[in-house]
C-alpha atoms as a PDB file:
ATOM      1  CA  MET A   1      -0.190  -0.266   0.093  1.00  0.00           C
ATOM      2  CA  ASP A   2       1.312   3.496  -0.990  1.00  0.00           C
ATOM      3  CA  GLN A   3       1.763   6.195   1.700  1.00  0.00           C
ATOM      4  CA  GLU A   4       1.055   9.354   1.143  1.00  0.00           C
ATOM      5  CA  VAL A   5       3.076  12.020   2.994  1.00  0.00           C
ATOM      6  CA  ALA A   6       1.800  15.723   3.204  1.00  0.00           C
ATOM      7  CA  LYS A   7       4.438  18.423   3.076  1.00  0.00           C
ATOM      8  CA  PRO A   8       5.238  20.313   6.101  1.00  0.00           C
ATOM      9  CA  GLU A   9       4.028  23.415   6.233  1.00  0.00           C
ATOM     10  CA  PHE A  10       7.929  24.402   7.006  1.00  0.00           C
ATOM     11  CA  CYS A  11       9.585  22.626   4.500  1.00  0.00           C
ATOM     12  CA  GLU A  12      11.284  25.313   2.255  1.00  0.00           C
ATOM     13  CA  LYS A  13      12.582  24.303  -1.417  1.00  0.00           C
ATOM     14  CA  GLU A  14      16.144  24.549   0.384  1.00  0.00           C
ATOM     15  CA  TYR A  15      16.094  22.258   2.478  1.00  0.00           C
ATOM     16  CA  LEU A  16      14.787  19.763  -0.564  1.00  0.00           C
ATOM     17  CA  VAL A  17      17.661  20.938  -2.473  1.00  0.00           C
ATOM     18  CA  TYR A  18      20.015  20.347   0.240  1.00  0.00           C
ATOM     19  CA  LEU A  19      18.831  16.779   0.716  1.00  0.00           C
ATOM     20  CA  GLU A  20      19.514  16.081  -3.115  1.00  0.00           C
ATOM     21  CA  LYS A  21      23.404  17.205  -3.006  1.00  0.00           C
ATOM     22  CA  LEU A  22      23.633  14.785   0.565  1.00  0.00           C
ATOM     23  CA  ASN A  23      21.940  12.108  -1.174  1.00  0.00           C
ATOM     24  CA  ASP A  24      24.112  12.752  -4.367  1.00  0.00           C
ATOM     25  CA  GLN A  25      27.045  12.531  -2.251  1.00  0.00           C
ATOM     26  CA  GLY A  26      26.384   9.017  -1.288  1.00  0.00           C
ATOM     27  CA  THR A  27      25.292  10.317   2.011  1.00  0.00           C
ATOM     28  CA  ASN A  28      22.600   7.390   4.201  1.00  0.00           C
ATOM     29  CA  MET A  29      19.549   9.777   3.832  1.00  0.00           C
ATOM     30  CA  PHE A  30      17.823   7.429   7.104  1.00  0.00           C
ATOM     31  CA  ASN A  31      20.312   9.313   9.314  1.00  0.00           C
ATOM     32  CA  ALA A  32      20.372  12.777   7.110  1.00  0.00           C
ATOM     33  CA  ALA A  33      18.373  14.312   9.833  1.00  0.00           C
ATOM     34  CA  PRO A  34      20.435  15.695  11.953  1.00  0.00           C
ATOM     35  CA  TYR A  35      22.664  17.082   8.856  1.00  0.00           C
ATOM     36  CA  LEU A  36      19.188  19.267   8.004  1.00  0.00           C
ATOM     37  CA  GLN A  37      19.212  20.326  11.462  1.00  0.00           C
ATOM     38  CA  LYS A  38      22.910  21.718  11.896  1.00  0.00           C
ATOM     39  CA  GLU A  39      22.710  23.482   8.403  1.00  0.00           C
ATOM     40  CA  PHE A  40      19.693  25.007   8.874  1.00  0.00           C
ATOM     41  CA  GLY A  41      18.864  25.577  12.721  1.00  0.00           C
ATOM     42  CA  LEU A  42      15.848  23.292  12.498  1.00  0.00           C
ATOM     43  CA  SER A  43      14.122  20.869  15.806  1.00  0.00           C
ATOM     44  CA  GLY A  44      14.402  17.459  15.474  1.00  0.00           C
ATOM     45  CA  TYR A  45      10.774  17.347  14.742  1.00  0.00           C
ATOM     46  CA  GLN A  46      11.211  19.788  12.048  1.00  0.00           C
ATOM     47  CA  SER A  47      14.130  17.782   9.877  1.00  0.00           C
ATOM     48  CA  THR A  48      12.525  14.552  10.853  1.00  0.00           C
ATOM     49  CA  ALA A  49       9.099  15.791   9.221  1.00  0.00           C
ATOM     50  CA  ILE A  50      11.164  16.938   6.273  1.00  0.00           C
ATOM     51  CA  LEU A  51      13.514  14.289   5.467  1.00  0.00           C
ATOM     52  CA  ARG A  52      10.408  11.730   5.675  1.00  0.00           C
ATOM     53  CA  TYR A  53       8.489  14.120   3.281  1.00  0.00           C
ATOM     54  CA  TRP A  54      11.555  13.913   1.150  1.00  0.00           C
ATOM     55  CA  ILE A  55      11.750  10.393   1.376  1.00  0.00           C
ATOM     56  CA  PHE A  56       8.239   9.415   0.346  1.00  0.00           C
ATOM     57  CA  SER A  57       8.231  11.756  -2.663  1.00  0.00           C
ATOM     58  CA  LYS A  58      11.140  10.190  -4.265  1.00  0.00           C
ATOM     59  CA  ARG A  59       9.276   7.195  -4.712  1.00  0.00           C
ATOM     60  CA  ARG A  60       6.077   8.664  -6.672  1.00  0.00           C
END
């Protein structure tokens, strides 16, 4: 069953671009939330929600 994940209201395009760059560099994306936190000053909740959205959007 496909799961739909809504885009978090606090998700900015620059966060998704950053995740793409990490992915292109070979980063284990399941562990990428702390990178978002550090780079953009996001909370753990925010970075995890954005990462979850990014991961599920790649499955489409």
